[in-house]
């Protein structure tokens, strides 16, 4: 609905996003392991940002920093 209002030039209320994680998911387990080893690890930061960006994309949203998202993805697969 917010996209339609924005397209028509209307102002939209800011919606507070809530990210829910499955603590049994392998990605979340990996993040928890990295946090316990070194909570300042850049790989941990990348995984957290990746997870949030994926959630935004999955709900049909738009990323504020697509370049940063692509850099993180390329760093993970490269």
PDB file of N, CA and C in Angstrom:
ATOM      1  N   UNK A   1       0.826  -1.183   0.000  1.00  0.00           N
ATOM      2  CA  UNK A   1       0.000   0.000   0.000  1.00  0.00           C
ATOM      3  C   UNK A   1       0.876   1.255   0.000  1.00  0.00           C
ATOM      4  N   UNK A   2       1.976   1.190   0.764  1.00  0.00           N
ATOM      5  CA  UNK A   2       2.863   2.350   0.840  1.00  0.00           C
ATOM      6  C   UNK A   2       3.441   2.694  -0.530  1.00  0.00           C
ATOM      7  N   UNK A   3       3.737   1.678  -1.332  1.00  0.00           N
ATOM      8  CA  UNK A   3       4.277   1.929  -2.675  1.00  0.00           C
ATOM      9  C   UNK A   3       3.264   2.680  -3.537  1.00  0.00           C
ATOM     10  N   UNK A   4       1.991   2.283  -3.448  1.00  0.00           N
ATOM     11  CA  UNK A   4       0.951   2.936  -4.233  1.00  0.00           C
ATOM     12  C   UNK A   4       0.771   4.385  -3.809  1.00  0.00           C
ATOM     13  N   UNK A   5       0.747   4.622  -2.520  1.00  0.00           N
ATOM     14  CA  UNK A   5       0.599   5.994  -2.029  1.00  0.00           C
ATOM     15  C   UNK A   5       1.781   6.856  -2.456  1.00  0.00           C
ATOM     16  N   UNK A   6       2.970   6.295  -2.351  1.00  0.00           N
ATOM     17  CA  UNK A   6       4.176   7.029  -2.738  1.00  0.00           C
ATOM     18  C   UNK A   6       4.154   7.348  -4.226  1.00  0.00           C
ATOM     19  N   UNK A   7       3.716   6.395  -5.042  1.00  0.00           N
ATOM     20  CA  UNK A   7       3.640   6.598  -6.488  1.00  0.00           C
ATOM     21  C   UNK A   7       2.656   7.691  -6.853  1.00  0.00           C
ATOM     22  N   UNK A   8       1.636   7.874  -6.016  1.00  0.00           N
ATOM     23  CA  UNK A   8       0.645   8.915  -6.265  1.00  0.00           C
ATOM     24  C   UNK A   8       1.027  10.242  -5.615  1.00  0.00           C
ATOM     25  N   UNK A   9       2.222  10.314  -5.052  1.00  0.00           N
ATOM     26  CA  UNK A   9       2.682  11.556  -4.457  1.00  0.00           C
ATOM     27  C   UNK A   9       2.172  11.798  -3.054  1.00  0.00           C
ATOM     28  N   UNK A  10       1.571  10.811  -2.454  1.00  0.00           N
ATOM     29  CA  UNK A  10       1.053  10.928  -1.093  1.00  0.00           C
ATOM     30  C   UNK A  10       2.162  10.622  -0.084  1.00  0.00           C
ATOM     31  N   UNK A  11       2.037  11.181   1.079  1.00  0.00           N
ATOM     32  CA  UNK A  11       2.978  10.828   2.139  1.00  0.00           C
ATOM     33  C   UNK A  11       2.506   9.531   2.786  1.00  0.00           C
ATOM     34  N   UNK A  12       3.467   8.768   3.229  1.00  0.00           N
ATOM     35  CA  UNK A  12       3.139   7.488   3.850  1.00  0.00           C
ATOM     36  C   UNK A  12       3.679   7.469   5.271  1.00  0.00           C
ATOM     37  N   UNK A  13       2.958   6.842   6.159  1.00  0.00           N
ATOM     38  CA  UNK A  13       3.471   6.735   7.530  1.00  0.00           C
ATOM     39  C   UNK A  13       4.686   5.806   7.549  1.00  0.00           C
ATOM     40  N   UNK A  14       5.612   6.110   8.428  1.00  0.00           N
ATOM     41  CA  UNK A  14       6.796   5.273   8.561  1.00  0.00           C
ATOM     42  C   UNK A  14       6.402   4.016   9.328  1.00  0.00           C
ATOM     43  N   UNK A  15       6.631   2.885   8.698  1.00  0.00           N
ATOM     44  CA  UNK A  15       6.290   1.609   9.329  1.00  0.00           C
ATOM     45  C   UNK A  15       7.521   1.052  10.036  1.00  0.00           C
ATOM     46  N   UNK A  16       7.356   0.665  11.263  1.00  0.00           N
ATOM     47  CA  UNK A  16       8.448   0.074  12.021  1.00  0.00           C
ATOM     48  C   UNK A  16       8.571  -1.393  11.627  1.00  0.00           C
ATOM     49  N   UNK A  17       9.738  -1.755  11.162  1.00  0.00           N
ATOM     50  CA  UNK A  17       9.964  -3.135  10.751  1.00  0.00           C
ATOM     51  C   UNK A  17      10.410  -3.960  11.945  1.00  0.00           C
ATOM     52  N   UNK A  18       9.972  -5.199  11.955  1.00  0.00           N
ATOM     53  CA  UNK A  18      10.377  -6.147  12.988  1.00  0.00           C
ATOM     54  C   UNK A  18      10.970  -7.357  12.291  1.00  0.00           C
ATOM     55  N   UNK A  19      12.198  -7.669  12.607  1.00  0.00           N
ATOM     56  CA  UNK A  19      12.878  -8.819  12.013  1.00  0.00           C
ATOM     57  C   UNK A  19      12.813  -9.979  12.992  1.00  0.00           C
ATOM     58  N   UNK A  20      12.165 -11.049  12.566  1.00  0.00           N
ATOM     59  CA  UNK A  20      12.089 -12.246  13.385  1.00  0.00           C
ATOM     60  C   UNK A  20      13.025 -13.292  12.791  1.00  0.00           C
ATOM     61  N   UNK A  21      13.826 -13.895  13.649  1.00  0.00           N
ATOM     62  CA  UNK A  21      14.785 -14.896  13.190  1.00  0.00           C
ATOM     63  C   UNK A  21      14.472 -16.254  13.791  1.00  0.00           C
ATOM     64  N   UNK A  22      14.680 -17.286  13.005  1.00  0.00           N
ATOM     65  CA  UNK A  22      14.563 -18.655  13.472  1.00  0.00           C
ATOM     66  C   UNK A  22      15.909 -19.047  14.071  1.00  0.00           C
ATOM     67  N   UNK A  23      15.967 -19.188  15.372  1.00  0.00           N
ATOM     68  CA  UNK A  23      17.249 -19.461  16.043  1.00  0.00           C
ATOM     69  C   UNK A  23      17.825 -20.816  15.697  1.00  0.00           C
ATOM     70  N   UNK A  24      17.036 -21.688  15.085  1.00  0.00           N
ATOM     71  CA  UNK A  24      17.537 -22.999  14.671  1.00  0.00           C
ATOM     72  C   UNK A  24      18.058 -23.011  13.240  1.00  0.00           C
ATOM     73  N   UNK A  25      17.919 -21.891  12.542  1.00  0.00           N
ATOM     74  CA  UNK A  25      18.378 -21.827  11.153  1.00  0.00           C
ATOM     75  C   UNK A  25      19.911 -21.815  11.124  1.00  0.00           C
ATOM     76  N   UNK A  26      20.519 -22.544  10.164  1.00  0.00           N
ATOM     77  CA  UNK A  26      21.993 -22.592  10.088  1.00  0.00           C
ATOM     78  C   UNK A  26      22.661 -21.220   9.978  1.00  0.00           C
ATOM     79  N   UNK A  27      22.026 -20.272   9.281  1.00  0.00           N
ATOM     80  CA  UNK A  27      22.615 -18.938   9.159  1.00  0.00           C
ATOM     81  C   UNK A  27      22.650 -18.229  10.507  1.00  0.00           C
ATOM     82  N   UNK A  28      21.575 -18.341  11.266  1.00  0.00           N
ATOM     83  CA  UNK A  28      21.518 -17.714  12.589  1.00  0.00           C
ATOM     84  C   UNK A  28      22.504 -18.412  13.533  1.00  0.00           C
ATOM     85  N   UNK A  29      22.605 -19.717  13.440  1.00  0.00           N
ATOM     86  CA  UNK A  29      23.580 -20.446  14.264  1.00  0.00           C
ATOM     87  C   UNK A  29      24.993 -19.999  13.929  1.00  0.00           C
ATOM     88  N   UNK A  30      25.266 -19.763  12.648  1.00  0.00           N
ATOM     89  CA  UNK A  30      26.591 -19.272  12.226  1.00  0.00           C
ATOM     90  C   UNK A  30      26.847 -17.875  12.799  1.00  0.00           C
ATOM     91  N   UNK A  31      25.839 -17.016  12.764  1.00  0.00           N
ATOM     92  CA  UNK A  31      25.999 -15.671  13.317  1.00  0.00           C
ATOM     93  C   UNK A  31      26.272 -15.736  14.820  1.00  0.00           C
ATOM     94  N   UNK A  32      25.565 -16.617  15.515  1.00  0.00           N
ATOM     95  CA  UNK A  32      25.768 -16.743  16.960  1.00  0.00           C
ATOM     96  C   UNK A  32      27.174 -17.268  17.260  1.00  0.00           C
ATOM     97  N   UNK A  33      27.653 -18.198  16.451  1.00  0.00           N
ATOM     98  CA  UNK A  33      29.000 -18.734  16.633  1.00  0.00           C
ATOM     99  C   UNK A  33      30.053 -17.650  16.413  1.00  0.00           C
ATOM    100  N   UNK A  34      29.889 -16.869  15.354  1.00  0.00           N
ATOM    101  CA  UNK A  34      30.826 -15.778  15.085  1.00  0.00           C
ATOM    102  C   UNK A  34      30.793 -14.739  16.199  1.00  0.00           C
ATOM    103  N   UNK A  35      29.623 -14.447  16.725  1.00  0.00           N
ATOM    104  CA  UNK A  35      29.486 -13.470  17.803  1.00  0.00           C
ATOM    105  C   UNK A  35      30.227 -13.940  19.053  1.00  0.00           C
ATOM    106  N   UNK A  36      30.094 -15.220  19.363  1.00  0.00           N
ATOM    107  CA  UNK A  36      30.750 -15.756  20.556  1.00  0.00           C
ATOM    108  C   UNK A  36      32.269 -15.754  20.416  1.00  0.00           C
ATOM    109  N   UNK A  37      32.760 -15.959  19.198  1.00  0.00           N
ATOM    110  CA  UNK A  37      34.209 -15.966  18.964  1.00  0.00           C
ATOM    111  C   UNK A  37      34.780 -14.553  18.959  1.00  0.00           C
ATOM    112  N   UNK A  38      34.113 -13.652  18.230  1.00  0.00           N
ATOM    113  CA  UNK A  38      34.599 -12.275  18.100  1.00  0.00           C
ATOM    114  C   UNK A  38      33.443 -11.413  17.601  1.00  0.00           C
ATOM    115  N   UNK A  39      32.818 -10.687  18.521  1.00  0.00           N
ATOM    116  CA  UNK A  39      31.638  -9.910  18.127  1.00  0.00           C
ATOM    117  C   UNK A  39      31.972  -8.702  17.254  1.00  0.00           C
ATOM    118  N   UNK A  40      33.244  -8.470  16.982  1.00  0.00           N
ATOM    119  CA  UNK A  40      33.655  -7.378  16.098  1.00  0.00           C
ATOM    120  C   UNK A  40      34.052  -7.892  14.711  1.00  0.00           C
ATOM    121  N   UNK A  41      33.851  -9.174  14.448  1.00  0.00           N
ATOM    122  CA  UNK A  41      34.230  -9.800  13.179  1.00  0.00           C
ATOM    123  C   UNK A  41      33.420  -9.192  12.029  1.00  0.00           C
ATOM    124  N   UNK A  42      34.103  -8.815  10.955  1.00  0.00           N
ATOM    125  CA  UNK A  42      33.406  -8.214   9.813  1.00  0.00           C
ATOM    126  C   UNK A  42      32.484  -9.227   9.134  1.00  0.00           C
ATOM    127  N   UNK A  43      32.816 -10.512   9.206  1.00  0.00           N
ATOM    128  CA  UNK A  43      31.938 -11.535   8.624  1.00  0.00           C
ATOM    129  C   UNK A  43      30.592 -11.554   9.345  1.00  0.00           C
ATOM    130  N   UNK A  44      30.605 -11.339  10.648  1.00  0.00           N
ATOM    131  CA  UNK A  44      29.365 -11.280  11.425  1.00  0.00           C
ATOM    132  C   UNK A  44      28.521 -10.091  10.971  1.00  0.00           C
ATOM    133  N   UNK A  45      29.146  -8.953  10.846  1.00  0.00           N
ATOM    134  CA  UNK A  45      28.439  -7.756  10.388  1.00  0.00           C
ATOM    135  C   UNK A  45      27.838  -7.977   9.008  1.00  0.00           C
ATOM    136  N   UNK A  46      28.595  -8.596   8.115  1.00  0.00           N
ATOM    137  CA  UNK A  46      28.096  -8.872   6.768  1.00  0.00           C
ATOM    138  C   UNK A  46      26.881  -9.794   6.798  1.00  0.00           C
ATOM    139  N   UNK A  47      26.925 -10.829   7.621  1.00  0.00           N
ATOM    140  CA  UNK A  47      25.806 -11.767   7.706  1.00  0.00           C
ATOM    141  C   UNK A  47      24.553 -11.108   8.286  1.00  0.00           C
ATOM    142  N   UNK A  48      24.738 -10.258   9.276  1.00  0.00           N
ATOM    143  CA  UNK A  48      23.598  -9.564   9.869  1.00  0.00           C
ATOM    144  C   UNK A  48      22.956  -8.632   8.845  1.00  0.00           C
ATOM    145  N   UNK A  49      23.783  -7.834   8.159  1.00  0.00           N
ATOM    146  CA  UNK A  49      23.253  -6.931   7.135  1.00  0.00           C
ATOM    147  C   UNK A  49      22.609  -7.718   5.993  1.00  0.00           C
ATOM    148  N   UNK A  50      23.229  -8.820   5.586  1.00  0.00           N
ATOM    149  CA  UNK A  50      22.680  -9.657   4.520  1.00  0.00           C
ATOM    150  C   UNK A  50      21.296 -10.170   4.908  1.00  0.00           C
ATOM    151  N   UNK A  51      21.163 -10.668   6.140  1.00  0.00           N
ATOM    152  CA  UNK A  51      19.881 -11.210   6.605  1.00  0.00           C
ATOM    153  C   UNK A  51      18.798 -10.139   6.596  1.00  0.00           C
ATOM    154  N   UNK A  52      19.134  -8.953   7.061  1.00  0.00           N
ATOM    155  CA  UNK A  52      18.163  -7.857   7.089  1.00  0.00           C
ATOM    156  C   UNK A  52      17.768  -7.450   5.670  1.00  0.00           C
ATOM    157  N   UNK A  53      18.760  -7.316   4.795  1.00  0.00           N
ATOM    158  CA  UNK A  53      18.481  -6.944   3.406  1.00  0.00           C
ATOM    159  C   UNK A  53      17.608  -7.990   2.719  1.00  0.00           C
ATOM    160  N   UNK A  54      17.880  -9.272   2.968  1.00  0.00           N
ATOM    161  CA  UNK A  54      17.067 -10.336   2.383  1.00  0.00           C
ATOM    162  C   UNK A  54      15.619 -10.244   2.875  1.00  0.00           C
ATOM    163  N   UNK A  55      15.442  -9.941   4.146  1.00  0.00           N
ATOM    164  CA  UNK A  55      14.090  -9.806   4.689  1.00  0.00           C
ATOM    165  C   UNK A  55      13.345  -8.661   4.002  1.00  0.00           C
ATOM    166  N   UNK A  56      14.025  -7.559   3.771  1.00  0.00           N
ATOM    167  CA  UNK A  56      13.400  -6.423   3.083  1.00  0.00           C
ATOM    168  C   UNK A  56      13.008  -6.823   1.661  1.00  0.00           C
ATOM    169  N   UNK A  57      13.917  -7.491   0.958  1.00  0.00           N
ATOM    170  CA  UNK A  57      13.621  -7.917  -0.406  1.00  0.00           C
ATOM    171  C   UNK A  57      12.471  -8.924  -0.443  1.00  0.00           C
ATOM    172  N   UNK A  58      12.444  -9.829   0.517  1.00  0.00           N
ATOM    173  CA  UNK A  58      11.393 -10.848   0.556  1.00  0.00           C
ATOM    174  C   UNK A  58      10.010 -10.257   0.792  1.00  0.00           C
ATOM    175  N   UNK A  59       9.946  -9.123   1.481  1.00  0.00           N
ATOM    176  CA  UNK A  59       8.641  -8.495   1.697  1.00  0.00           C
ATOM    177  C   UNK A  59       8.278  -7.545   0.559  1.00  0.00           C
ATOM    178  N   UNK A  60       9.134  -7.473  -0.450  1.00  0.00           N
ATOM    179  CA  UNK A  60       8.841  -6.612  -1.601  1.00  0.00           C
ATOM    180  C   UNK A  60       9.353  -5.201  -1.455  1.00  0.00           C
ATOM    181  N   UNK A  61      10.206  -4.973  -0.450  1.00  0.00           N
ATOM    182  CA  UNK A  61      10.748  -3.635  -0.221  1.00  0.00           C
ATOM    183  C   UNK A  61      11.939  -3.336  -1.121  1.00  0.00           C
ATOM    184  N   UNK A  62      12.447  -2.137  -0.992  1.00  0.00           N
ATOM    185  CA  UNK A  62      13.605  -1.691  -1.759  1.00  0.00           C
ATOM    186  C   UNK A  62      14.756  -1.415  -0.800  1.00  0.00           C
ATOM    187  N   UNK A  63      15.945  -1.804  -1.216  1.00  0.00           N
ATOM    188  CA  UNK A  63      17.122  -1.585  -0.380  1.00  0.00           C
ATOM    189  C   UNK A  63      17.611  -0.153  -0.512  1.00  0.00           C
ATOM    190  N   UNK A  64      18.040   0.416   0.602  1.00  0.00           N
ATOM    191  CA  UNK A  64      18.594   1.764   0.584  1.00  0.00           C
ATOM    192  C   UNK A  64      19.991   1.775  -0.033  1.00  0.00           C
ATOM    193  N   UNK A  65      20.741   0.673   0.149  1.00  0.00           N
ATOM    194  CA  UNK A  65      22.111   0.616  -0.340  1.00  0.00           C
ATOM    195  C   UNK A  65      22.317  -0.686  -1.108  1.00  0.00           C
ATOM    196  N   UNK A  66      21.877  -0.713  -2.353  1.00  0.00           N
ATOM    197  CA  UNK A  66      22.006  -1.923  -3.167  1.00  0.00           C
ATOM    198  C   UNK A  66      23.470  -2.256  -3.432  1.00  0.00           C
ATOM    199  N   UNK A  67      24.300  -1.236  -3.548  1.00  0.00           N
ATOM    200  CA  UNK A  67      25.728  -1.457  -3.790  1.00  0.00           C
ATOM    201  C   UNK A  67      26.363  -2.216  -2.614  1.00  0.00           C
ATOM    202  N   UNK A  68      26.055  -1.807  -1.406  1.00  0.00           N
ATOM    203  CA  UNK A  68      26.579  -2.497  -0.228  1.00  0.00           C
ATOM    204  C   UNK A  68      26.087  -3.933  -0.156  1.00  0.00           C
ATOM    205  N   UNK A  69      24.807  -4.150  -0.495  1.00  0.00           N
ATOM    206  CA  UNK A  69      24.242  -5.500  -0.510  1.00  0.00           C
ATOM    207  C   UNK A  69      25.004  -6.380  -1.494  1.00  0.00           C
ATOM    208  N   UNK A  70      25.220  -5.875  -2.695  1.00  0.00           N
ATOM    209  CA  UNK A  70      25.928  -6.656  -3.717  1.00  0.00           C
ATOM    210  C   UNK A  70      27.376  -6.933  -3.312  1.00  0.00           C
ATOM    211  N   UNK A  71      28.022  -5.977  -2.682  1.00  0.00           N
ATOM    212  CA  UNK A  71      29.390  -6.196  -2.210  1.00  0.00           C
ATOM    213  C   UNK A  71      29.417  -7.320  -1.179  1.00  0.00           C
ATOM    214  N   UNK A  72      28.459  -7.325  -0.247  1.00  0.00           N
ATOM    215  CA  UNK A  72      28.406  -8.379   0.757  1.00  0.00           C
ATOM    216  C   UNK A  72      28.156  -9.746   0.142  1.00  0.00           C
ATOM    217  N   UNK A  73      27.202  -9.803  -0.793  1.00  0.00           N
ATOM    218  CA  UNK A  73      26.899 -11.079  -1.435  1.00  0.00           C
ATOM    219  C   UNK A  73      28.115 -11.583  -2.215  1.00  0.00           C
ATOM    220  N   UNK A  74      28.729 -10.709  -2.989  1.00  0.00           N
ATOM    221  CA  UNK A  74      29.905 -11.105  -3.764  1.00  0.00           C
ATOM    222  C   UNK A  74      31.049 -11.539  -2.860  1.00  0.00           C
ATOM    223  N   UNK A  75      31.200 -10.885  -1.719  1.00  0.00           N
ATOM    224  CA  UNK A  75      32.240 -11.275  -0.765  1.00  0.00           C
ATOM    225  C   UNK A  75      31.984 -12.651  -0.159  1.00  0.00           C
ATOM    226  N   UNK A  76      30.719 -12.990   0.024  1.00  0.00           N
ATOM    227  CA  UNK A  76      30.384 -14.297   0.601  1.00  0.00           C
ATOM    228  C   UNK A  76      30.568 -15.434  -0.386  1.00  0.00           C
ATOM    229  N   UNK A  77      30.298 -15.169  -1.661  1.00  0.00           N
ATOM    230  CA  UNK A  77      30.397 -16.257  -2.640  1.00  0.00           C
ATOM    231  C   UNK A  77      31.758 -16.301  -3.319  1.00  0.00           C
ATOM    232  N   UNK A  78      32.537 -15.245  -3.131  1.00  0.00           N
ATOM    233  CA  UNK A  78      33.831 -15.156  -3.814  1.00  0.00           C
ATOM    234  C   UNK A  78      34.909 -15.664  -3.001  1.00  0.00           C
TER     235      UNK A  78
END
